């Protein structure tokens, strides 16, 4: 699902809840953690442990596909994962799903992925996420294509934008600091593209200031997934 939203230079690995075999005592076998990772979740509840572990299993499989030795993934500033030198990447997880996407830094400046349950946002959340123009566009889309939960899609897109933004800037990006437009693929009702205009000075990539991010979205298997990639040499 995530892989279809990303360019060929990106390696993506995902896991669904039914991908994990049952152990001899009925407990699910998850990927093993490194000691320093284990220390971070020593007192975590089962849900947190499962999400933390499975998404790192995805990331390590993606490393292997890129020819990079698997290694511990520890959180850095604001919880963003600290990737091995020479790699850029992003991880996401929600109930029953986890994914990681990695690329070589020579191929992409940054990327962000996010997956959410394809359900309406809780009451009151959209007003804290959407700009007036975004809200207006969502209402039009909802009238034309009511089977898609556009509010949740917008939330996911904002998350992907932030995940691509932060490694380039080291700064927070508020929901109100990116204006996102979403559009559908011709002839398709469950996939499309997205464009995020940055309302604050964007990051400088290869000597050029980036004013907008672009990405993709898809609805499938009860999930909405979004991605954003920042190419090299983008103006």
C-alpha atoms as a PDB file:
ATOM      1  CA  UNK A   1       0.000   0.000   0.000  1.00  0.00           C
ATOM      2  CA  UNK A   2       2.689   2.520   1.025  1.00  0.00           C
ATOM      3  CA  UNK A   3       5.095   1.363  -1.685  1.00  0.00           C
ATOM      4  CA  UNK A   4       2.607   2.330  -4.397  1.00  0.00           C
ATOM      5  CA  UNK A   5       2.690   5.932  -3.141  1.00  0.00           C
ATOM      6  CA  UNK A   6       6.464   6.341  -3.419  1.00  0.00           C
ATOM      7  CA  UNK A   7       9.053   6.694  -6.199  1.00  0.00           C
ATOM      8  CA  UNK A   8      11.211   3.744  -7.209  1.00  0.00           C
ATOM      9  CA  UNK A   9      14.181   5.100  -5.260  1.00  0.00           C
ATOM     10  CA  UNK A  10      12.306   4.380  -2.005  1.00  0.00           C
ATOM     11  CA  UNK A  11      12.141   0.965  -0.351  1.00  0.00           C
ATOM     12  CA  UNK A  12       8.982   0.404   1.693  1.00  0.00           C
ATOM     13  CA  UNK A  13       8.085  -2.487   3.987  1.00  0.00           C
ATOM     14  CA  UNK A  14       4.704  -2.864   5.688  1.00  0.00           C
ATOM     15  CA  UNK A  15       3.070  -5.265   8.115  1.00  0.00           C
ATOM     16  CA  UNK A  16      -0.578  -5.951   8.811  1.00  0.00           C
ATOM     17  CA  UNK A  17      -1.891  -7.424  12.026  1.00  0.00           C
ATOM     18  CA  UNK A  18      -2.488 -10.804  10.402  1.00  0.00           C
ATOM     19  CA  UNK A  19       1.124 -10.994   9.152  1.00  0.00           C
ATOM     20  CA  UNK A  20       2.449 -12.203  12.528  1.00  0.00           C
ATOM     21  CA  UNK A  21       2.423 -15.887  13.405  1.00  0.00           C
ATOM     22  CA  UNK A  22       1.198 -17.177  16.749  1.00  0.00           C
ATOM     23  CA  UNK A  23       3.755 -18.554  19.193  1.00  0.00           C
ATOM     24  CA  UNK A  24       3.493 -21.829  21.066  1.00  0.00           C
ATOM     25  CA  UNK A  25       1.657 -20.195  23.959  1.00  0.00           C
ATOM     26  CA  UNK A  26      -0.635 -18.041  21.882  1.00  0.00           C
ATOM     27  CA  UNK A  27       1.569 -14.949  22.039  1.00  0.00           C
ATOM     28  CA  UNK A  28       2.456 -13.147  18.843  1.00  0.00           C
ATOM     29  CA  UNK A  29       6.050 -13.377  17.676  1.00  0.00           C
ATOM     30  CA  UNK A  30       7.358  -9.902  16.954  1.00  0.00           C
ATOM     31  CA  UNK A  31      10.786  -8.873  15.619  1.00  0.00           C
ATOM     32  CA  UNK A  32      13.515  -8.780  18.252  1.00  0.00           C
ATOM     33  CA  UNK A  33      14.645  -5.464  19.698  1.00  0.00           C
ATOM     34  CA  UNK A  34      18.162  -4.283  20.401  1.00  0.00           C
ATOM     35  CA  UNK A  35      18.917  -3.794  24.124  1.00  0.00           C
ATOM     36  CA  UNK A  36      18.882   0.004  23.838  1.00  0.00           C
ATOM     37  CA  UNK A  37      15.464  -0.159  22.165  1.00  0.00           C
ATOM     38  CA  UNK A  38      14.159  -2.581  24.745  1.00  0.00           C
ATOM     39  CA  UNK A  39      15.171  -0.145  27.484  1.00  0.00           C
ATOM     40  CA  UNK A  40      12.923   2.520  25.970  1.00  0.00           C
ATOM     41  CA  UNK A  41       9.771   0.436  26.299  1.00  0.00           C
ATOM     42  CA  UNK A  42      10.583  -1.681  29.339  1.00  0.00           C
ATOM     43  CA  UNK A  43       7.450  -0.446  31.112  1.00  0.00           C
ATOM     44  CA  UNK A  44       5.270   0.132  28.064  1.00  0.00           C
ATOM     45  CA  UNK A  45       1.798  -1.360  27.731  1.00  0.00           C
ATOM     46  CA  UNK A  46       1.341  -4.192  25.235  1.00  0.00           C
ATOM     47  CA  UNK A  47      -0.122  -1.953  22.496  1.00  0.00           C
ATOM     48  CA  UNK A  48       2.804   0.466  22.640  1.00  0.00           C
ATOM     49  CA  UNK A  49       5.313  -2.399  22.696  1.00  0.00           C
ATOM     50  CA  UNK A  50       3.681  -4.041  19.689  1.00  0.00           C
ATOM     51  CA  UNK A  51       3.645  -0.861  17.597  1.00  0.00           C
ATOM     52  CA  UNK A  52       7.197   0.088  18.561  1.00  0.00           C
ATOM     53  CA  UNK A  53       8.539  -3.371  17.775  1.00  0.00           C
ATOM     54  CA  UNK A  54       6.695  -4.156  14.546  1.00  0.00           C
ATOM     55  CA  UNK A  55       7.485  -0.835  12.878  1.00  0.00           C
ATOM     56  CA  UNK A  56      11.191  -1.298  13.680  1.00  0.00           C
ATOM     57  CA  UNK A  57      11.026  -4.734  12.161  1.00  0.00           C
ATOM     58  CA  UNK A  58       9.735  -3.085   8.978  1.00  0.00           C
ATOM     59  CA  UNK A  59      12.523  -0.514   9.076  1.00  0.00           C
ATOM     60  CA  UNK A  60      15.241  -3.138   9.487  1.00  0.00           C
ATOM     61  CA  UNK A  61      13.895  -5.158   6.566  1.00  0.00           C
ATOM     62  CA  UNK A  62      13.983  -1.976   4.485  1.00  0.00           C
ATOM     63  CA  UNK A  63      17.613  -1.412   5.542  1.00  0.00           C
ATOM     64  CA  UNK A  64      18.495  -4.905   4.387  1.00  0.00           C
ATOM     65  CA  UNK A  65      16.900  -4.246   0.996  1.00  0.00           C
ATOM     66  CA  UNK A  66      19.141  -1.191   0.651  1.00  0.00           C
ATOM     67  CA  UNK A  67      22.214  -3.186   1.641  1.00  0.00           C
ATOM     68  CA  UNK A  68      22.546  -1.449   5.012  1.00  0.00           C
ATOM     69  CA  UNK A  69      23.231  -3.615   8.090  1.00  0.00           C
ATOM     70  CA  UNK A  70      20.175  -3.645  10.390  1.00  0.00           C
ATOM     71  CA  UNK A  71      20.690  -1.625  13.522  1.00  0.00           C
ATOM     72  CA  UNK A  72      18.893  -0.029  16.441  1.00  0.00           C
ATOM     73  CA  UNK A  73      16.528   2.847  15.710  1.00  0.00           C
ATOM     74  CA  UNK A  74      16.390   5.279  18.583  1.00  0.00           C
ATOM     75  CA  UNK A  75      14.297   8.450  18.799  1.00  0.00           C
ATOM     76  CA  UNK A  76      16.055  11.768  18.413  1.00  0.00           C
ATOM     77  CA  UNK A  77      14.757  15.305  18.751  1.00  0.00           C
ATOM     78  CA  UNK A  78      10.953  15.474  19.053  1.00  0.00           C
ATOM     79  CA  UNK A  79      10.854  11.693  18.775  1.00  0.00           C
ATOM     80  CA  UNK A  80      11.962  11.585  15.131  1.00  0.00           C
ATOM     81  CA  UNK A  81      13.903   8.383  14.356  1.00  0.00           C
ATOM     82  CA  UNK A  82      17.653   8.703  13.948  1.00  0.00           C
ATOM     83  CA  UNK A  83      18.435   6.928  10.701  1.00  0.00           C
ATOM     84  CA  UNK A  84      21.801   5.433   9.766  1.00  0.00           C
ATOM     85  CA  UNK A  85      24.172   7.819   7.988  1.00  0.00           C
ATOM     86  CA  UNK A  86      23.332   8.213   4.322  1.00  0.00           C
ATOM     87  CA  UNK A  87      19.656   7.280   4.684  1.00  0.00           C
ATOM     88  CA  UNK A  88      16.430   9.237   4.942  1.00  0.00           C
ATOM     89  CA  UNK A  89      13.218   7.627   6.034  1.00  0.00           C
ATOM     90  CA  UNK A  90       9.897   7.650   7.797  1.00  0.00           C
ATOM     91  CA  UNK A  91       7.787   5.247   9.852  1.00  0.00           C
ATOM     92  CA  UNK A  92       4.111   5.043  10.674  1.00  0.00           C
ATOM     93  CA  UNK A  93       1.776   2.788  12.611  1.00  0.00           C
ATOM     94  CA  UNK A  94      -1.871   2.620  13.557  1.00  0.00           C
ATOM     95  CA  UNK A  95      -4.129  -0.141  14.813  1.00  0.00           C
ATOM     96  CA  UNK A  96      -3.318  -3.292  12.855  1.00  0.00           C
ATOM     97  CA  UNK A  97      -0.780  -1.724  10.506  1.00  0.00           C
ATOM     98  CA  UNK A  98       2.833  -0.550  10.421  1.00  0.00           C
ATOM     99  CA  UNK A  99       5.168   0.602   7.667  1.00  0.00           C
ATOM    100  CA  UNK A 100       8.621   2.044   7.102  1.00  0.00           C
ATOM    101  CA  UNK A 101      10.046   3.720   4.011  1.00  0.00           C
ATOM    102  CA  UNK A 102      13.750   4.361   3.379  1.00  0.00           C
ATOM    103  CA  UNK A 103      15.845   5.920   0.637  1.00  0.00           C
ATOM    104  CA  UNK A 104      19.432   6.921   0.132  1.00  0.00           C
ATOM    105  CA  UNK A 105      20.081  10.570   0.927  1.00  0.00           C
ATOM    106  CA  UNK A 106      21.691  11.030  -2.502  1.00  0.00           C
ATOM    107  CA  UNK A 107      18.330  10.159  -4.099  1.00  0.00           C
ATOM    108  CA  UNK A 108      15.915  12.074  -1.852  1.00  0.00           C
ATOM    109  CA  UNK A 109      16.300  14.992   0.512  1.00  0.00           C
ATOM    110  CA  UNK A 110      13.504  13.798   2.805  1.00  0.00           C
ATOM    111  CA  UNK A 111      10.279  11.832   2.935  1.00  0.00           C
ATOM    112  CA  UNK A 112       7.276  11.319   5.163  1.00  0.00           C
ATOM    113  CA  UNK A 113       4.617   8.614   5.345  1.00  0.00           C
ATOM    114  CA  UNK A 114       1.503   8.246   7.455  1.00  0.00           C
ATOM    115  CA  UNK A 115      -1.339   5.739   7.777  1.00  0.00           C
ATOM    116  CA  UNK A 116      -4.598   6.224   9.630  1.00  0.00           C
ATOM    117  CA  UNK A 117      -7.822   4.254  10.047  1.00  0.00           C
ATOM    118  CA  UNK A 118     -10.206   5.294   7.295  1.00  0.00           C
ATOM    119  CA  UNK A 119     -12.740   6.755   9.697  1.00  0.00           C
ATOM    120  CA  UNK A 120     -14.006  10.273  10.422  1.00  0.00           C
ATOM    121  CA  UNK A 121     -11.890  12.376  12.744  1.00  0.00           C
ATOM    122  CA  UNK A 122     -13.233  12.751  16.286  1.00  0.00           C
ATOM    123  CA  UNK A 123     -15.618  15.636  16.810  1.00  0.00           C
ATOM    124  CA  UNK A 124     -13.841  18.990  16.927  1.00  0.00           C
ATOM    125  CA  UNK A 125     -10.469  17.828  15.571  1.00  0.00           C
ATOM    126  CA  UNK A 126     -10.933  19.073  12.014  1.00  0.00           C
ATOM    127  CA  UNK A 127     -11.389  22.669  13.170  1.00  0.00           C
ATOM    128  CA  UNK A 128      -7.946  22.529  14.814  1.00  0.00           C
ATOM    129  CA  UNK A 129      -6.324  20.986  11.731  1.00  0.00           C
ATOM    130  CA  UNK A 130      -7.859  22.615   8.665  1.00  0.00           C
ATOM    131  CA  UNK A 131      -7.374  26.107   7.324  1.00  0.00           C
ATOM    132  CA  UNK A 132     -10.541  27.844   6.045  1.00  0.00           C
ATOM    133  CA  UNK A 133      -9.610  27.167   2.401  1.00  0.00           C
ATOM    134  CA  UNK A 134      -8.824  23.545   3.187  1.00  0.00           C
ATOM    135  CA  UNK A 135     -12.150  23.120   4.947  1.00  0.00           C
ATOM    136  CA  UNK A 136     -13.980  24.635   1.975  1.00  0.00           C
ATOM    137  CA  UNK A 137     -12.243  22.308  -0.483  1.00  0.00           C
ATOM    138  CA  UNK A 138     -12.958  19.285   1.712  1.00  0.00           C
ATOM    139  CA  UNK A 139     -16.662  20.107   1.757  1.00  0.00           C
ATOM    140  CA  UNK A 140     -16.716  20.160  -2.038  1.00  0.00           C
ATOM    141  CA  UNK A 141     -14.881  16.839  -2.237  1.00  0.00           C
ATOM    142  CA  UNK A 142     -17.153  15.270   0.371  1.00  0.00           C
ATOM    143  CA  UNK A 143     -20.186  16.267  -1.671  1.00  0.00           C
ATOM    144  CA  UNK A 144     -18.733  14.737  -4.827  1.00  0.00           C
ATOM    145  CA  UNK A 145     -17.133  11.633  -3.282  1.00  0.00           C
ATOM    146  CA  UNK A 146     -18.844  10.853   0.038  1.00  0.00           C
ATOM    147  CA  UNK A 147     -17.234   7.414   0.477  1.00  0.00           C
ATOM    148  CA  UNK A 148     -13.886   8.986   1.389  1.00  0.00           C
ATOM    149  CA  UNK A 149     -13.307  10.477   4.819  1.00  0.00           C
ATOM    150  CA  UNK A 150     -11.571  13.605   3.581  1.00  0.00           C
ATOM    151  CA  UNK A 151     -11.064  15.009   7.053  1.00  0.00           C
ATOM    152  CA  UNK A 152      -8.954  11.990   8.036  1.00  0.00           C
ATOM    153  CA  UNK A 153      -7.086  12.155   4.740  1.00  0.00           C
ATOM    154  CA  UNK A 154      -6.188  15.796   5.395  1.00  0.00           C
ATOM    155  CA  UNK A 155      -4.962  14.934   8.892  1.00  0.00           C
ATOM    156  CA  UNK A 156      -2.781  12.147   7.492  1.00  0.00           C
ATOM    157  CA  UNK A 157      -1.389  14.444   4.808  1.00  0.00           C
ATOM    158  CA  UNK A 158      -0.444  17.034   7.429  1.00  0.00           C
ATOM    159  CA  UNK A 159       1.381  14.327   9.369  1.00  0.00           C
ATOM    160  CA  UNK A 160       3.322  13.251   6.272  1.00  0.00           C
ATOM    161  CA  UNK A 161       4.221  16.864   5.507  1.00  0.00           C
ATOM    162  CA  UNK A 162       5.562  17.349   9.019  1.00  0.00           C
ATOM    163  CA  UNK A 163       7.598  14.137   8.893  1.00  0.00           C
ATOM    164  CA  UNK A 164       9.243  15.309   5.663  1.00  0.00           C
ATOM    165  CA  UNK A 165       9.720  18.852   6.997  1.00  0.00           C
ATOM    166  CA  UNK A 166      11.318  18.199  10.370  1.00  0.00           C
ATOM    167  CA  UNK A 167      14.516  16.394   9.261  1.00  0.00           C
ATOM    168  CA  UNK A 168      15.252  19.302   6.911  1.00  0.00           C
ATOM    169  CA  UNK A 169      14.633  22.088   9.409  1.00  0.00           C
ATOM    170  CA  UNK A 170      14.732  20.749  12.964  1.00  0.00           C
ATOM    171  CA  UNK A 171      11.722  22.976  13.602  1.00  0.00           C
ATOM    172  CA  UNK A 172       8.076  22.450  14.469  1.00  0.00           C
ATOM    173  CA  UNK A 173       5.520  22.959  11.673  1.00  0.00           C
ATOM    174  CA  UNK A 174       2.029  23.827  12.843  1.00  0.00           C
ATOM    175  CA  UNK A 175      -1.072  22.483  11.109  1.00  0.00           C
ATOM    176  CA  UNK A 176      -1.851  26.052  10.023  1.00  0.00           C
ATOM    177  CA  UNK A 177       1.548  26.521   8.366  1.00  0.00           C
ATOM    178  CA  UNK A 178       0.879  24.289   5.359  1.00  0.00           C
ATOM    179  CA  UNK A 179      -2.066  24.628   2.971  1.00  0.00           C
ATOM    180  CA  UNK A 180      -2.835  21.227   1.466  1.00  0.00           C
ATOM    181  CA  UNK A 181      -4.772  20.508  -1.701  1.00  0.00           C
ATOM    182  CA  UNK A 182      -5.789  16.947  -2.521  1.00  0.00           C
ATOM    183  CA  UNK A 183      -6.954  15.688  -5.880  1.00  0.00           C
ATOM    184  CA  UNK A 184      -7.985  12.370  -7.385  1.00  0.00           C
ATOM    185  CA  UNK A 185      -6.284  10.311 -10.058  1.00  0.00           C
ATOM    186  CA  UNK A 186      -8.176  10.364 -13.370  1.00  0.00           C
ATOM    187  CA  UNK A 187     -10.493   7.387 -13.487  1.00  0.00           C
ATOM    188  CA  UNK A 188      -9.841   6.411  -9.855  1.00  0.00           C
ATOM    189  CA  UNK A 189     -11.893   7.133  -6.763  1.00  0.00           C
ATOM    190  CA  UNK A 190      -9.586   5.887  -4.028  1.00  0.00           C
ATOM    191  CA  UNK A 191      -6.191   7.375  -4.894  1.00  0.00           C
ATOM    192  CA  UNK A 192      -4.667  10.661  -5.932  1.00  0.00           C
ATOM    193  CA  UNK A 193      -2.087  13.314  -5.274  1.00  0.00           C
ATOM    194  CA  UNK A 194      -1.544  16.101  -2.799  1.00  0.00           C
ATOM    195  CA  UNK A 195       0.220  19.438  -2.833  1.00  0.00           C
ATOM    196  CA  UNK A 196       1.264  21.297   0.313  1.00  0.00           C
ATOM    197  CA  UNK A 197       2.050  24.975   0.018  1.00  0.00           C
ATOM    198  CA  UNK A 198       4.330  26.030   2.869  1.00  0.00           C
ATOM    199  CA  UNK A 199       3.096  29.222   4.541  1.00  0.00           C
ATOM    200  CA  UNK A 200       6.393  29.791   6.342  1.00  0.00           C
ATOM    201  CA  UNK A 201       9.875  29.922   4.796  1.00  0.00           C
ATOM    202  CA  UNK A 202      10.624  26.443   3.532  1.00  0.00           C
ATOM    203  CA  UNK A 203      13.821  24.435   3.938  1.00  0.00           C
ATOM    204  CA  UNK A 204      16.837  25.006   1.722  1.00  0.00           C
ATOM    205  CA  UNK A 205      17.647  21.884  -0.282  1.00  0.00           C
ATOM    206  CA  UNK A 206      20.743  21.793  -2.497  1.00  0.00           C
ATOM    207  CA  UNK A 207      20.971  25.573  -2.365  1.00  0.00           C
ATOM    208  CA  UNK A 208      17.331  26.204  -3.260  1.00  0.00           C
ATOM    209  CA  UNK A 209      14.477  27.132  -0.960  1.00  0.00           C
ATOM    210  CA  UNK A 210      11.566  24.731  -1.205  1.00  0.00           C
ATOM    211  CA  UNK A 211       8.155  26.399  -1.203  1.00  0.00           C
ATOM    212  CA  UNK A 212       5.922  23.359  -1.451  1.00  0.00           C
ATOM    213  CA  UNK A 213       5.864  19.614  -0.910  1.00  0.00           C
ATOM    214  CA  UNK A 214       4.103  17.084  -3.114  1.00  0.00           C
ATOM    215  CA  UNK A 215       2.886  13.589  -2.435  1.00  0.00           C
ATOM    216  CA  UNK A 216       0.329  10.859  -2.919  1.00  0.00           C
ATOM    217  CA  UNK A 217      -2.611   9.291  -1.076  1.00  0.00           C
ATOM    218  CA  UNK A 218      -4.625   6.100  -1.221  1.00  0.00           C
ATOM    219  CA  UNK A 219      -7.554   4.482   0.566  1.00  0.00           C
ATOM    220  CA  UNK A 220      -7.430   0.685   0.849  1.00  0.00           C
ATOM    221  CA  UNK A 221      -8.087  -2.135   3.352  1.00  0.00           C
ATOM    222  CA  UNK A 222      -9.791   0.198   5.815  1.00  0.00           C
ATOM    223  CA  UNK A 223      -6.828   2.603   5.893  1.00  0.00           C
ATOM    224  CA  UNK A 224      -5.917   5.939   4.405  1.00  0.00           C
ATOM    225  CA  UNK A 225      -2.217   6.331   3.643  1.00  0.00           C
ATOM    226  CA  UNK A 226      -0.297   9.404   2.513  1.00  0.00           C
ATOM    227  CA  UNK A 227       3.253  10.117   1.456  1.00  0.00           C
ATOM    228  CA  UNK A 228       5.409  13.165   0.795  1.00  0.00           C
ATOM    229  CA  UNK A 229       8.800  13.140  -0.903  1.00  0.00           C
ATOM    230  CA  UNK A 230      11.264  15.999  -1.254  1.00  0.00           C
ATOM    231  CA  UNK A 231      13.523  15.413  -4.256  1.00  0.00           C
ATOM    232  CA  UNK A 232      17.020  16.684  -4.716  1.00  0.00           C
ATOM    233  CA  UNK A 233      17.472  19.917  -6.652  1.00  0.00           C
ATOM    234  CA  UNK A 234      13.873  21.028  -6.173  1.00  0.00           C
ATOM    235  CA  UNK A 235      13.161  24.730  -6.536  1.00  0.00           C
END
